Amino acid sequence: MRALGYIDERALHLEYRFAKGRAERYPALAAELVRLPADAIVAWGTPASLAAKQATGTVPIIMISGDPIAVGLVPGLAHPGANVTGLSTLAADLEGKRIELLKELLANLARVAVLSNPTNPFCTVAVQNARAAAMALHLDVEVVEAAEERDLDRAFLTLSRQRPDAILTVADPFLTSQRTRLAAFMIENRFPSIYTYREDILAGGLISYATNYYDVFRRAAMLTDKILKGAKPAELPIQQPTKFELIINLKTAKALGLVVPAMLLARADEVIE
């Protein structure tokens, strides 16, 4: 926003609200922003975006969601309608690519566990896509769910018993808030794992493949600028990502006793050593 000319609070005042990985807090936080009142709401992630939409039918919303049509945020990409526009990260569509990357990493891959949050509507869509991709590759899939820390403890026990060949962690605010615990568990139990966010890999995860989220945030700022200058959300098509990143943590690969195939390593946009 600074790059677009909003250099101080006289031009733009930002109010931040964080759910800290607790999805049940989003409705109250969204209602707070509507009461301020806000001229526009930028919502990161499906739970936050749905809460914002439920809180107001008039305040413009710039949402960022993995699959805004499937979760009911907008009826279509070209004509979002009402007070919502924003960006799709195609996160759900990319679950198939993540499964393929696991297969490329592990030649003998047969069983994949998908760690998901059942309270997040996006995760439901993502799991469906992961199942379809796994079926096409003749892989078995087990879904393990966690919506809070107690659930995660149980999920760890389940994964330790099941011993899948690899684990795919679906993009979710709660699971992302637990990235350090997740990475430590994967390494301790020697589970190859794949994620959506670069931050998961910096925390010790093995591989991520996703939209370039920094580019997404820049484009969200540009949409916000247009709306603050009078554009109507209903007339601004939902934007889709154009940049994708493959990130590999070689330090984690070494800890897991894995040798990353040279062809896969060569395609990485970033290698953490």
Protein backbone atom coordinates (compact mmCIF):
# COMPACT_ATOMS: atom_id res chain seq x y z
CA MET A 1 0.00 0.00 0.00
CA ARG A 2 2.94 2.33 0.61
CA ALA A 3 4.12 1.67 -2.94
CA LEU A 4 0.67 2.76 -4.12
CA GLY A 5 1.00 6.10 -2.34
CA TYR A 6 -0.50 5.35 1.08
CA ILE A 7 2.52 6.58 2.99
CA ASP A 8 1.09 7.37 6.42
CA GLU A 9 -2.05 7.19 8.57
CA ARG A 10 -3.42 10.35 6.98
CA ALA A 11 -3.79 8.39 3.75
CA LEU A 12 -4.67 5.00 5.18
CA HIS A 13 -5.35 3.67 8.66
CA LEU A 14 -4.99 -0.09 9.06
CA GLU A 15 -6.79 -2.09 11.73
CA TYR A 16 -5.44 -5.62 12.25
CA ARG A 17 -7.26 -8.57 13.74
CA PHE A 18 -5.66 -12.00 14.25
CA ALA A 19 -7.45 -15.24 15.14
CA LYS A 20 -4.18 -16.92 16.19
CA GLY A 21 -5.17 -20.17 14.53
CA ARG A 22 -8.57 -20.31 16.26
CA ALA A 23 -11.23 -20.32 13.54
CA GLU A 24 -14.07 -19.77 16.01
CA ARG A 25 -12.76 -16.24 16.63
CA TYR A 26 -13.24 -15.04 13.04
CA PRO A 27 -16.95 -14.08 13.22
CA ALA A 28 -16.41 -11.82 16.25
CA LEU A 29 -13.31 -10.24 14.71
CA ALA A 30 -15.10 -9.59 11.42
CA ALA A 31 -18.03 -8.02 13.29
CA GLU A 32 -15.58 -5.71 15.11
CA LEU A 33 -14.21 -4.45 11.81
CA VAL A 34 -17.69 -3.83 10.41
CA ARG A 35 -18.61 -1.79 13.52
CA LEU A 36 -15.55 0.49 13.28
CA PRO A 37 -16.71 1.09 10.49
CA ALA A 38 -14.16 -0.02 7.89
CA ASP A 39 -14.10 1.22 4.31
CA ALA A 40 -12.86 -2.20 3.14
CA ILE A 41 -11.90 -5.52 4.69
CA VAL A 42 -8.99 -7.65 3.47
CA ALA A 43 -9.46 -11.26 4.57
CA TRP A 44 -6.65 -13.80 4.33
CA GLY A 45 -7.79 -17.42 4.06
CA THR A 46 -11.14 -19.12 3.62
CA PRO A 47 -12.37 -19.05 7.27
CA ALA A 48 -11.61 -15.33 7.61
CA SER A 49 -13.17 -14.57 4.22
CA LEU A 50 -16.37 -16.48 5.01
CA ALA A 51 -16.64 -14.71 8.37
CA ALA A 52 -16.25 -11.32 6.69
CA LYS A 53 -18.92 -12.16 4.12
CA GLN A 54 -21.31 -13.29 6.85
CA ALA A 55 -20.65 -10.11 8.84
CA THR A 56 -21.54 -7.62 6.10
CA GLY A 57 -23.27 -7.38 2.76
CA THR A 58 -22.18 -3.79 2.15
CA VAL A 59 -18.55 -3.25 3.21
CA PRO A 60 -16.25 -4.21 0.30
CA ILE A 61 -14.31 -7.41 0.98
CA ILE A 62 -11.03 -8.33 -0.70
CA MET A 63 -10.67 -12.02 0.06
CA ILE A 64 -7.84 -14.48 -0.52
CA SER A 65 -9.06 -18.07 -0.68
CA GLY A 66 -7.87 -21.39 -2.02
CA ASP A 67 -11.13 -22.04 -3.89
CA PRO A 68 -13.66 -19.19 -3.49
CA ILE A 69 -16.32 -20.78 -5.70
CA ALA A 70 -16.29 -24.21 -4.05
CA VAL A 71 -16.65 -22.75 -0.53
CA GLY A 72 -19.41 -20.33 -1.51
CA LEU A 73 -17.60 -17.01 -1.33
CA VAL A 74 -18.49 -16.02 -4.90
CA PRO A 75 -20.71 -17.52 -7.61
CA GLY A 76 -18.10 -17.10 -10.33
CA LEU A 77 -14.66 -15.71 -11.07
CA ALA A 78 -15.61 -13.29 -13.84
CA HIS A 79 -18.62 -11.86 -12.01
CA PRO A 80 -18.17 -12.27 -8.24
CA GLY A 81 -21.23 -10.16 -7.48
CA ALA A 82 -22.27 -8.47 -4.24
CA ASN A 83 -19.51 -6.96 -2.06
CA VAL A 84 -16.78 -9.60 -2.47
CA THR A 85 -13.82 -9.76 -4.84
CA GLY A 86 -10.21 -10.81 -4.42
CA LEU A 87 -7.90 -13.63 -5.36
CA SER A 88 -8.01 -17.38 -5.69
CA THR A 89 -4.74 -19.09 -4.81
CA LEU A 90 -5.80 -22.36 -6.49
CA ALA A 91 -4.53 -24.08 -3.36
CA ALA A 92 -7.07 -26.89 -3.61
CA ASP A 93 -6.32 -27.49 -7.29
CA LEU A 94 -2.63 -27.82 -6.43
CA GLU A 95 -3.14 -30.75 -4.06
CA GLY A 96 -2.86 -33.02 -7.09
CA LYS A 97 0.49 -31.50 -8.00
CA ARG A 98 1.70 -31.97 -4.43
CA ILE A 99 0.76 -35.65 -4.54
CA GLU A 100 2.67 -35.95 -7.82
CA LEU A 101 5.72 -34.32 -6.24
CA LEU A 102 5.63 -36.84 -3.39
CA LYS A 103 5.52 -39.63 -5.96
CA GLU A 104 8.49 -38.12 -7.75
CA LEU A 105 10.39 -37.84 -4.48
CA LEU A 106 9.56 -41.37 -3.33
CA ALA A 107 9.63 -43.97 -6.09
CA ASN A 108 7.99 -46.58 -3.84
CA LEU A 109 5.25 -44.29 -2.54
CA ALA A 110 2.07 -46.28 -1.85
CA ARG A 111 0.30 -44.70 1.16
CA VAL A 112 -0.24 -40.99 1.76
CA ALA A 113 -1.78 -39.45 4.87
CA VAL A 114 -3.55 -36.11 4.47
CA LEU A 115 -3.56 -33.92 7.57
CA SER A 116 -6.61 -31.66 7.46
CA ASN A 117 -8.85 -29.44 9.60
CA PRO A 118 -12.48 -30.62 9.40
CA THR A 119 -13.85 -27.23 10.54
CA ASN A 120 -12.35 -25.39 7.55
CA PRO A 121 -14.60 -25.60 4.44
CA PHE A 122 -11.55 -25.18 2.21
CA CYS A 123 -9.96 -28.31 3.65
CA THR A 124 -12.96 -30.37 2.55
CA VAL A 125 -12.37 -29.28 -1.04
CA ALA A 126 -8.62 -29.80 -0.78
CA VAL A 127 -9.02 -33.34 0.57
CA GLN A 128 -11.36 -34.21 -2.31
CA ASN A 129 -8.75 -33.05 -4.80
CA ALA A 130 -5.99 -34.94 -3.00
CA ARG A 131 -8.06 -38.14 -3.08
CA ALA A 132 -8.69 -37.78 -6.81
CA ALA A 133 -5.00 -37.27 -7.55
CA ALA A 134 -4.00 -40.21 -5.37
CA MET A 135 -6.52 -42.46 -7.06
CA ALA A 136 -5.11 -41.54 -10.47
CA LEU A 137 -1.65 -42.59 -9.25
CA HIS A 138 -3.02 -45.77 -7.60
CA LEU A 139 -2.10 -44.54 -4.11
CA ASP A 140 -3.94 -45.20 -0.87
CA VAL A 141 -5.04 -42.14 1.12
CA GLU A 142 -5.87 -41.83 4.81
CA VAL A 143 -7.26 -38.55 6.13
CA VAL A 144 -6.21 -37.55 9.65
CA GLU A 145 -7.99 -34.54 11.14
CA ALA A 146 -7.12 -31.88 13.72
CA ALA A 147 -8.92 -28.65 14.55
CA GLU A 148 -7.18 -27.80 17.85
CA GLU A 149 -4.11 -28.77 19.82
CA ARG A 150 -5.75 -31.74 21.57
CA ASP A 151 -6.79 -33.08 18.18
CA LEU A 152 -3.24 -32.67 16.93
CA ASP A 153 -1.91 -34.81 19.76
CA ARG A 154 -4.35 -37.55 18.74
CA ALA A 155 -3.46 -37.07 15.09
CA PHE A 156 0.21 -37.59 15.89
CA LEU A 157 -0.62 -40.86 17.65
CA THR A 158 -2.67 -42.01 14.66
CA LEU A 159 0.08 -41.17 12.20
CA SER A 160 2.66 -42.92 14.38
CA ARG A 161 0.53 -46.08 14.28
CA GLN A 162 -0.39 -45.91 10.59
CA ARG A 163 3.17 -45.20 9.38
CA PRO A 164 2.24 -43.69 5.98
CA ASP A 165 4.97 -43.30 3.35
CA ALA A 166 4.44 -39.52 3.27
CA ILE A 167 2.16 -36.81 4.66
CA LEU A 168 0.43 -33.94 2.89
CA THR A 169 -0.59 -31.09 5.21
CA VAL A 170 -3.49 -29.05 3.85
CA ALA A 171 -3.36 -25.25 4.03
CA ASP A 172 -5.23 -24.16 7.16
CA PRO A 173 -4.74 -21.35 9.71
CA PHE A 174 -4.67 -23.70 12.70
CA LEU A 175 -2.29 -26.21 11.13
CA THR A 176 -0.08 -23.37 9.96
CA SER A 177 0.06 -22.00 13.50
CA GLN A 178 1.44 -25.40 14.54
CA ARG A 179 4.17 -25.49 11.87
CA THR A 180 7.04 -25.89 14.33
CA ARG A 181 5.38 -28.84 16.10
CA LEU A 182 4.49 -30.40 12.78
CA ALA A 183 8.02 -30.14 11.41
CA ALA A 184 9.54 -31.59 14.59
CA PHE A 185 7.08 -34.50 14.55
CA MET A 186 7.75 -35.27 10.88
CA ILE A 187 11.52 -35.30 11.41
CA GLU A 188 11.34 -37.32 14.62
CA ASN A 189 9.17 -39.94 12.94
CA ARG A 190 11.00 -39.76 9.59
CA PHE A 191 7.91 -38.80 7.60
CA PRO A 192 8.51 -37.03 4.26
CA SER A 193 6.00 -34.18 4.13
CA ILE A 194 4.69 -31.56 1.74
CA TYR A 195 2.99 -28.23 2.51
CA THR A 196 1.54 -25.09 1.00
CA TYR A 197 3.49 -22.31 2.71
CA ARG A 198 7.14 -21.34 2.51
CA GLU A 199 7.05 -20.64 6.26
CA ASP A 200 6.36 -24.34 6.88
CA ILE A 201 9.63 -25.17 5.13
CA LEU A 202 11.56 -22.52 7.04
CA ALA A 203 10.24 -24.18 10.21
CA GLY A 204 11.70 -27.52 9.13
CA GLY A 205 9.18 -28.96 6.68
CA LEU A 206 10.53 -30.86 3.70
CA ILE A 207 8.81 -29.50 0.58
CA SER A 208 6.24 -26.87 -0.31
CA TYR A 209 4.60 -26.15 -3.62
CA ALA A 210 2.19 -23.27 -3.96
CA THR A 211 1.29 -19.89 -5.27
CA ASN A 212 3.80 -17.12 -4.63
CA TYR A 213 1.92 -15.53 -1.74
CA TYR A 214 3.98 -12.37 -1.69
CA ASP A 215 2.77 -11.71 -5.23
CA VAL A 216 -0.79 -12.48 -4.09
CA PHE A 217 -0.56 -9.92 -1.28
CA ARG A 218 0.76 -7.27 -3.68
CA ARG A 219 -2.17 -7.89 -5.99
CA ALA A 220 -4.59 -7.76 -3.05
CA ALA A 221 -3.19 -4.30 -2.25
CA MET A 222 -3.84 -3.21 -5.83
CA LEU A 223 -7.45 -4.40 -5.62
CA THR A 224 -7.87 -2.59 -2.30
CA ASP A 225 -6.54 0.60 -3.89
CA LYS A 226 -9.08 0.34 -6.72
CA ILE A 227 -11.95 -0.14 -4.27
CA LEU A 228 -10.87 2.77 -2.07
CA LYS A 229 -10.88 4.89 -5.23
CA GLY A 230 -14.46 3.95 -6.03
CA ALA A 231 -14.43 0.64 -7.90
CA LYS A 232 -17.20 -1.82 -7.02
CA PRO A 233 -16.18 -5.33 -5.89
CA ALA A 234 -18.90 -6.92 -8.02
CA GLU A 235 -17.24 -5.46 -11.13
CA LEU A 236 -13.71 -6.66 -10.31
CA PRO A 237 -13.11 -10.27 -11.48
CA ILE A 238 -11.50 -12.73 -9.10
CA GLN A 239 -7.79 -12.90 -9.96
CA GLN A 240 -5.90 -16.16 -10.22
CA PRO A 241 -2.20 -16.79 -9.48
CA THR A 242 0.44 -16.58 -12.16
CA LYS A 243 3.53 -17.50 -10.11
CA PHE A 244 4.18 -20.80 -8.32
CA GLU A 245 7.12 -21.88 -6.16
CA LEU A 246 8.72 -25.19 -5.30
CA ILE A 247 10.82 -24.99 -2.12
CA ILE A 248 12.93 -27.84 -0.75
CA ASN A 249 14.65 -28.07 2.62
CA LEU A 250 17.78 -30.18 2.10
CA LYS A 251 18.66 -30.03 5.79
CA THR A 252 15.37 -31.79 6.55
CA ALA A 253 15.92 -34.26 3.71
CA LYS A 254 19.26 -35.19 5.27
CA ALA A 255 17.65 -35.62 8.69
CA LEU A 256 15.09 -37.97 7.11
CA GLY A 257 17.79 -39.92 5.29
CA LEU A 258 16.38 -38.93 1.89
CA VAL A 259 18.21 -38.14 -1.31
CA VAL A 260 16.19 -35.66 -3.34
CA PRO A 261 16.23 -36.65 -7.04
CA ALA A 262 18.43 -34.37 -9.12
CA MET A 263 15.61 -33.58 -11.56
CA LEU A 264 13.35 -32.44 -8.72
CA LEU A 265 16.10 -30.42 -7.11
CA ALA A 266 16.86 -28.69 -10.41
CA ARG A 267 13.26 -27.45 -10.65
CA ALA A 268 13.23 -25.95 -7.15
CA ASP A 269 12.79 -22.19 -6.93
CA GLU A 270 14.49 -22.18 -3.53
CA VAL A 271 16.67 -24.71 -1.76
CA ILE A 272 17.23 -24.36 1.98
CA GLU A 273 20.53 -25.83 3.15
